[in-house]
Amino acid sequence: MKAMPWYTLLPAASEYMIEHGWTKCYSTLNQFNWFLCFLYIAVYLFLVEFGIYWVHKELHDIKFLYNHLHVTHHLYNKQNTLSPFAGLAFHPLDGILQALPHVIALFIVPIHLRTHLGLLFFEGLWTTSIHDCIHGNIWPIMGAGYHTIHHTTYKHNYGHYTIWMDWMFGSLRIPLAKETHFKEKAK
């Protein structure tokens, strides 16, 4: 919880950049095109997925970053200690690094301000849900079953919303039925 105030630095900086017109984020709907709107949202989400995958993977692969930043998040590594709180338990710099793809995407893709803010809100819900150990098994979504594997092996399932990046870059491990739920004995 001590890191939470630090998490506000990146959204505050991105809001400043948006308000000063430095990004491609817009707030009016002068000539609205539904096709382009959905295309830009898809591109934005792809860039975020790609960026978070690589930041997350490097936080594991570069031992200095893991030992000084990402280890805080992985204190919750066993199925009996993994909880939705783990979705918020980050070193401040780790949280900022993993949120950075959202800001970078603003410089590349035109997206409406409310869409961007809605996706940031969804981000908070998402990071909580992938740590709740309840796996809905909806392909190609990176559900809690996939992310629980990440917390127990450290070298699989770095993706964020989907399994695409892990599949493309060879780090995907599909959960077996027995891995997606707590063991009955643990109750």
C-alpha atoms as a PDB file:
ATOM      1  CA  MET A   1       0.000   0.000   0.000  1.00  0.00           C
ATOM      2  CA  LYS A   2       2.958   2.324   0.525  1.00  0.00           C
ATOM      3  CA  ALA A   3       3.565   2.256  -3.229  1.00  0.00           C
ATOM      4  CA  MET A   4       0.073   3.443  -4.146  1.00  0.00           C
ATOM      5  CA  PRO A   5       0.817   7.214  -3.938  1.00  0.00           C
ATOM      6  CA  TRP A   6       3.815   6.714  -6.228  1.00  0.00           C
ATOM      7  CA  TYR A   7       1.591   5.017  -8.805  1.00  0.00           C
ATOM      8  CA  THR A   8      -0.187   8.334  -9.293  1.00  0.00           C
ATOM      9  CA  LEU A   9       2.926   9.966 -10.756  1.00  0.00           C
ATOM     10  CA  LEU A  10       2.634   8.317 -14.177  1.00  0.00           C
ATOM     11  CA  PRO A  11      -1.112   8.985 -14.655  1.00  0.00           C
ATOM     12  CA  ALA A  12      -0.574  12.569 -13.489  1.00  0.00           C
ATOM     13  CA  ALA A  13       2.288  13.032 -15.955  1.00  0.00           C
ATOM     14  CA  SER A  14       0.271  11.458 -18.779  1.00  0.00           C
ATOM     15  CA  GLU A  15      -2.703  13.710 -17.956  1.00  0.00           C
ATOM     16  CA  TYR A  16      -0.386  16.735 -18.160  1.00  0.00           C
ATOM     17  CA  MET A  17       0.909  15.556 -21.544  1.00  0.00           C
ATOM     18  CA  ILE A  18      -2.640  14.949 -22.793  1.00  0.00           C
ATOM     19  CA  GLU A  19      -3.867  18.375 -21.658  1.00  0.00           C
ATOM     20  CA  HIS A  20      -0.940  20.084 -23.378  1.00  0.00           C
ATOM     21  CA  GLY A  21      -1.597  18.263 -26.657  1.00  0.00           C
ATOM     22  CA  TRP A  22       1.627  16.284 -26.693  1.00  0.00           C
ATOM     23  CA  THR A  23      -0.141  12.962 -27.260  1.00  0.00           C
ATOM     24  CA  LYS A  24      -2.612  11.731 -29.867  1.00  0.00           C
ATOM     25  CA  CYS A  25      -5.318  11.502 -27.206  1.00  0.00           C
ATOM     26  CA  TYR A  26      -8.363  13.620 -28.059  1.00  0.00           C
ATOM     27  CA  SER A  27     -11.483  14.688 -26.176  1.00  0.00           C
ATOM     28  CA  THR A  28     -13.880  15.832 -28.917  1.00  0.00           C
ATOM     29  CA  LEU A  29     -15.885  13.913 -31.451  1.00  0.00           C
ATOM     30  CA  ASN A  30     -15.896  16.264 -34.448  1.00  0.00           C
ATOM     31  CA  GLN A  31     -15.883  13.651 -37.189  1.00  0.00           C
ATOM     32  CA  PHE A  32     -16.475  10.304 -35.525  1.00  0.00           C
ATOM     33  CA  ASN A  33     -15.783   7.072 -37.397  1.00  0.00           C
ATOM     34  CA  TRP A  34     -16.777   3.843 -35.608  1.00  0.00           C
ATOM     35  CA  PHE A  35     -14.448   1.692 -37.700  1.00  0.00           C
ATOM     36  CA  LEU A  36     -11.416   3.850 -36.920  1.00  0.00           C
ATOM     37  CA  CYS A  37     -12.443   4.101 -33.275  1.00  0.00           C
ATOM     38  CA  PHE A  38     -12.450   0.319 -32.846  1.00  0.00           C
ATOM     39  CA  LEU A  39      -9.331  -0.088 -34.979  1.00  0.00           C
ATOM     40  CA  TYR A  40      -7.432   2.395 -32.809  1.00  0.00           C
ATOM     41  CA  ILE A  41      -8.630   0.695 -29.619  1.00  0.00           C
ATOM     42  CA  ALA A  42      -7.391  -2.638 -31.007  1.00  0.00           C
ATOM     43  CA  VAL A  43      -4.009  -1.120 -31.932  1.00  0.00           C
ATOM     44  CA  TYR A  44      -3.768   0.575 -28.525  1.00  0.00           C
ATOM     45  CA  LEU A  45      -4.505  -2.726 -26.758  1.00  0.00           C
ATOM     46  CA  PHE A  46      -1.977  -4.560 -28.947  1.00  0.00           C
ATOM     47  CA  LEU A  47       0.729  -2.017 -28.083  1.00  0.00           C
ATOM     48  CA  VAL A  48      -0.125  -2.257 -24.378  1.00  0.00           C
ATOM     49  CA  GLU A  49      -0.089  -6.070 -24.523  1.00  0.00           C
ATOM     50  CA  PHE A  50       3.225  -6.110 -26.391  1.00  0.00           C
ATOM     51  CA  GLY A  51       4.820  -3.536 -24.090  1.00  0.00           C
ATOM     52  CA  ILE A  52       3.666  -5.090 -20.834  1.00  0.00           C
ATOM     53  CA  TYR A  53       4.763  -8.541 -21.997  1.00  0.00           C
ATOM     54  CA  TRP A  54       8.332  -7.352 -22.650  1.00  0.00           C
ATOM     55  CA  VAL A  55       8.587  -5.168 -19.554  1.00  0.00           C
ATOM     56  CA  HIS A  56       7.297  -8.024 -17.408  1.00  0.00           C
ATOM     57  CA  LYS A  57       9.619 -10.556 -19.057  1.00  0.00           C
ATOM     58  CA  GLU A  58      12.644  -8.292 -18.568  1.00  0.00           C
ATOM     59  CA  LEU A  59      11.682  -7.749 -14.926  1.00  0.00           C
ATOM     60  CA  HIS A  60      12.199 -11.500 -14.589  1.00  0.00           C
ATOM     61  CA  ASP A  61      15.156 -12.003 -16.924  1.00  0.00           C
ATOM     62  CA  ILE A  62      17.313  -9.148 -15.615  1.00  0.00           C
ATOM     63  CA  LYS A  63      18.136 -10.371 -12.115  1.00  0.00           C
ATOM     64  CA  PHE A  64      18.914  -6.898 -10.764  1.00  0.00           C
ATOM     65  CA  LEU A  65      15.429  -5.704 -11.758  1.00  0.00           C
ATOM     66  CA  TYR A  66      13.835  -8.820 -10.338  1.00  0.00           C
ATOM     67  CA  ASN A  67      15.724  -8.687  -7.028  1.00  0.00           C
ATOM     68  CA  HIS A  68      15.189  -4.960  -6.452  1.00  0.00           C
ATOM     69  CA  LEU A  69      11.802  -4.296  -8.055  1.00  0.00           C
ATOM     70  CA  HIS A  70       9.684  -7.270  -9.080  1.00  0.00           C
ATOM     71  CA  VAL A  71      10.377  -9.538  -6.101  1.00  0.00           C
ATOM     72  CA  THR A  72       7.861  -7.508  -4.062  1.00  0.00           C
ATOM     73  CA  HIS A  73       5.090  -8.711  -6.352  1.00  0.00           C
ATOM     74  CA  HIS A  74       6.263 -12.314  -6.191  1.00  0.00           C
ATOM     75  CA  LEU A  75       6.051 -12.551  -2.429  1.00  0.00           C
ATOM     76  CA  TYR A  76       2.615 -13.969  -3.286  1.00  0.00           C
ATOM     77  CA  ASN A  77       3.760 -16.993  -5.251  1.00  0.00           C
ATOM     78  CA  LYS A  78       1.956 -19.980  -3.876  1.00  0.00           C
ATOM     79  CA  GLN A  79      -1.642 -20.825  -4.601  1.00  0.00           C
ATOM     80  CA  ASN A  80      -2.501 -20.481  -0.936  1.00  0.00           C
ATOM     81  CA  THR A  81      -1.034 -16.947  -0.710  1.00  0.00           C
ATOM     82  CA  LEU A  82      -1.901 -15.637  -4.185  1.00  0.00           C
ATOM     83  CA  SER A  83      -4.779 -13.211  -3.785  1.00  0.00           C
ATOM     84  CA  PRO A  84      -6.307 -10.235  -5.583  1.00  0.00           C
ATOM     85  CA  PHE A  85      -4.123  -8.029  -3.382  1.00  0.00           C
ATOM     86  CA  ALA A  86      -1.067  -9.356  -5.254  1.00  0.00           C
ATOM     87  CA  GLY A  87      -2.382  -7.462  -8.296  1.00  0.00           C
ATOM     88  CA  LEU A  88      -1.568  -4.237  -6.450  1.00  0.00           C
ATOM     89  CA  ALA A  89       1.528  -5.319  -4.536  1.00  0.00           C
ATOM     90  CA  PHE A  90       4.338  -3.773  -6.570  1.00  0.00           C
ATOM     91  CA  HIS A  91       7.450  -1.782  -5.948  1.00  0.00           C
ATOM     92  CA  PRO A  92       6.598   1.752  -7.179  1.00  0.00           C
ATOM     93  CA  LEU A  93       9.074   1.615 -10.081  1.00  0.00           C
ATOM     94  CA  ASP A  94       7.804  -1.831 -11.082  1.00  0.00           C
ATOM     95  CA  GLY A  95       4.242  -0.526 -11.205  1.00  0.00           C
ATOM     96  CA  ILE A  96       5.321   2.503 -13.229  1.00  0.00           C
ATOM     97  CA  LEU A  97       7.352   0.386 -15.679  1.00  0.00           C
ATOM     98  CA  GLN A  98       4.446  -1.966 -16.274  1.00  0.00           C
ATOM     99  CA  ALA A  99       2.032   0.949 -16.772  1.00  0.00           C
ATOM    100  CA  LEU A 100       4.384   2.769 -19.152  1.00  0.00           C
ATOM    101  CA  PRO A 101       3.053   0.993 -22.292  1.00  0.00           C
ATOM    102  CA  HIS A 102      -0.305   2.727 -21.711  1.00  0.00           C
ATOM    103  CA  VAL A 103       1.418   6.115 -21.869  1.00  0.00           C
ATOM    104  CA  ILE A 104       3.627   5.209 -24.831  1.00  0.00           C
ATOM    105  CA  ALA A 105       0.538   4.081 -26.762  1.00  0.00           C
ATOM    106  CA  LEU A 106      -0.926   7.588 -26.333  1.00  0.00           C
ATOM    107  CA  PHE A 107       1.899   8.964 -28.487  1.00  0.00           C
ATOM    108  CA  ILE A 108       1.289   6.421 -31.253  1.00  0.00           C
ATOM    109  CA  VAL A 109      -2.457   5.820 -31.477  1.00  0.00           C
ATOM    110  CA  PRO A 110      -5.271   8.371 -31.569  1.00  0.00           C
ATOM    111  CA  ILE A 111      -7.676   7.416 -28.789  1.00  0.00           C
ATOM    112  CA  HIS A 112     -10.463   9.245 -27.035  1.00  0.00           C
ATOM    113  CA  LEU A 113      -9.657  10.450 -23.516  1.00  0.00           C
ATOM    114  CA  ARG A 114     -12.641   8.645 -21.975  1.00  0.00           C
ATOM    115  CA  THR A 115     -11.645   5.421 -23.706  1.00  0.00           C
ATOM    116  CA  HIS A 116      -8.115   5.770 -22.339  1.00  0.00           C
ATOM    117  CA  LEU A 117      -9.393   6.468 -18.816  1.00  0.00           C
ATOM    118  CA  GLY A 118     -11.853   3.577 -19.070  1.00  0.00           C
ATOM    119  CA  LEU A 119      -9.073   1.228 -20.118  1.00  0.00           C
ATOM    120  CA  LEU A 120      -6.930   2.391 -17.187  1.00  0.00           C
ATOM    121  CA  PHE A 121      -9.839   1.679 -14.827  1.00  0.00           C
ATOM    122  CA  PHE A 122     -10.255  -1.746 -16.449  1.00  0.00           C
ATOM    123  CA  GLU A 123      -6.506  -2.290 -15.921  1.00  0.00           C
ATOM    124  CA  GLY A 124      -7.003  -2.089 -12.154  1.00  0.00           C
ATOM    125  CA  LEU A 125      -9.866  -4.571 -12.265  1.00  0.00           C
ATOM    126  CA  TRP A 126      -7.891  -6.851 -14.553  1.00  0.00           C
ATOM    127  CA  THR A 127      -4.747  -6.995 -12.424  1.00  0.00           C
ATOM    128  CA  THR A 128      -6.922  -7.863  -9.450  1.00  0.00           C
ATOM    129  CA  SER A 129      -8.840 -10.590 -11.276  1.00  0.00           C
ATOM    130  CA  ILE A 130      -5.807 -12.446 -12.673  1.00  0.00           C
ATOM    131  CA  HIS A 131      -4.565 -12.913  -9.112  1.00  0.00           C
ATOM    132  CA  ASP A 132      -7.771 -14.357  -7.651  1.00  0.00           C
ATOM    133  CA  CYS A 133      -7.032 -18.012  -8.598  1.00  0.00           C
ATOM    134  CA  ILE A 134     -10.445 -18.327 -10.301  1.00  0.00           C
ATOM    135  CA  HIS A 135      -9.797 -19.319 -13.885  1.00  0.00           C
ATOM    136  CA  GLY A 136     -12.671 -18.978 -16.330  1.00  0.00           C
ATOM    137  CA  ASN A 137     -10.667 -20.695 -19.097  1.00  0.00           C
ATOM    138  CA  ILE A 138     -11.825 -18.435 -21.927  1.00  0.00           C
ATOM    139  CA  TRP A 139      -9.338 -18.748 -24.776  1.00  0.00           C
ATOM    140  CA  PRO A 140      -7.290 -16.567 -25.579  1.00  0.00           C
ATOM    141  CA  ILE A 141      -7.747 -14.600 -22.358  1.00  0.00           C
ATOM    142  CA  MET A 142      -4.886 -14.605 -19.832  1.00  0.00           C
ATOM    143  CA  GLY A 143      -6.979 -15.733 -16.902  1.00  0.00           C
ATOM    144  CA  ALA A 144      -5.960 -16.449 -13.352  1.00  0.00           C
ATOM    145  CA  GLY A 145      -5.069 -20.054 -14.197  1.00  0.00           C
ATOM    146  CA  TYR A 146      -2.381 -18.883 -16.599  1.00  0.00           C
ATOM    147  CA  HIS A 147      -1.140 -16.199 -14.242  1.00  0.00           C
ATOM    148  CA  THR A 148      -1.013 -18.596 -11.289  1.00  0.00           C
ATOM    149  CA  ILE A 149       1.404 -20.675 -13.368  1.00  0.00           C
ATOM    150  CA  HIS A 150       3.468 -17.523 -13.816  1.00  0.00           C
ATOM    151  CA  HIS A 151       3.611 -17.068 -10.052  1.00  0.00           C
ATOM    152  CA  THR A 152       4.736 -20.642  -9.487  1.00  0.00           C
ATOM    153  CA  THR A 153       7.232 -21.130 -12.340  1.00  0.00           C
ATOM    154  CA  TYR A 154       8.566 -17.561 -12.849  1.00  0.00           C
ATOM    155  CA  LYS A 155       9.268 -18.262 -16.542  1.00  0.00           C
ATOM    156  CA  HIS A 156       5.881 -18.664 -18.197  1.00  0.00           C
ATOM    157  CA  ASN A 157       2.835 -16.567 -19.003  1.00  0.00           C
ATOM    158  CA  TYR A 158       4.162 -13.009 -18.853  1.00  0.00           C
ATOM    159  CA  GLY A 159       1.292 -11.715 -20.959  1.00  0.00           C
ATOM    160  CA  HIS A 160      -1.308  -9.316 -19.770  1.00  0.00           C
ATOM    161  CA  TYR A 161      -4.811  -9.533 -21.236  1.00  0.00           C
ATOM    162  CA  THR A 162      -4.195 -12.414 -23.637  1.00  0.00           C
ATOM    163  CA  ILE A 163      -1.898 -15.374 -24.178  1.00  0.00           C
ATOM    164  CA  TRP A 164      -0.858 -14.194 -27.676  1.00  0.00           C
ATOM    165  CA  MET A 165       2.549 -12.776 -26.773  1.00  0.00           C
ATOM    166  CA  ASP A 166       3.467 -15.823 -24.704  1.00  0.00           C
ATOM    167  CA  TRP A 167       2.380 -18.048 -27.567  1.00  0.00           C
ATOM    168  CA  MET A 168       4.356 -16.000 -30.130  1.00  0.00           C
ATOM    169  CA  PHE A 169       7.521 -15.836 -28.027  1.00  0.00           C
ATOM    170  CA  GLY A 170       7.465 -19.373 -26.612  1.00  0.00           C
ATOM    171  CA  SER A 171       6.729 -18.665 -22.953  1.00  0.00           C
ATOM    172  CA  LEU A 172       3.156 -19.997 -22.884  1.00  0.00           C
ATOM    173  CA  ARG A 173       2.236 -22.757 -20.481  1.00  0.00           C
ATOM    174  CA  ILE A 174      -1.382 -23.870 -20.554  1.00  0.00           C
ATOM    175  CA  PRO A 175      -2.918 -24.686 -17.166  1.00  0.00           C
ATOM    176  CA  LEU A 176      -4.083 -28.208 -16.547  1.00  0.00           C
ATOM    177  CA  ALA A 177      -7.421 -28.731 -14.829  1.00  0.00           C
ATOM    178  CA  LYS A 178      -5.711 -29.645 -11.554  1.00  0.00           C
ATOM    179  CA  GLU A 179      -3.611 -26.415 -11.621  1.00  0.00           C
ATOM    180  CA  THR A 180      -6.543 -24.032 -11.967  1.00  0.00           C
ATOM    181  CA  HIS A 181      -8.064 -24.528  -8.549  1.00  0.00           C
ATOM    182  CA  PHE A 182      -6.817 -24.753  -5.008  1.00  0.00           C
ATOM    183  CA  LYS A 183      -6.196 -28.232  -3.780  1.00  0.00           C
ATOM    184  CA  GLU A 184      -9.067 -29.427  -1.626  1.00  0.00           C
ATOM    185  CA  LYS A 185      -6.629 -30.352   1.153  1.00  0.00           C
ATOM    186  CA  ALA A 186      -5.516 -26.723   1.445  1.00  0.00           C
ATOM    187  CA  LYS A 187      -9.000 -25.810   2.656  1.00  0.00           C
END
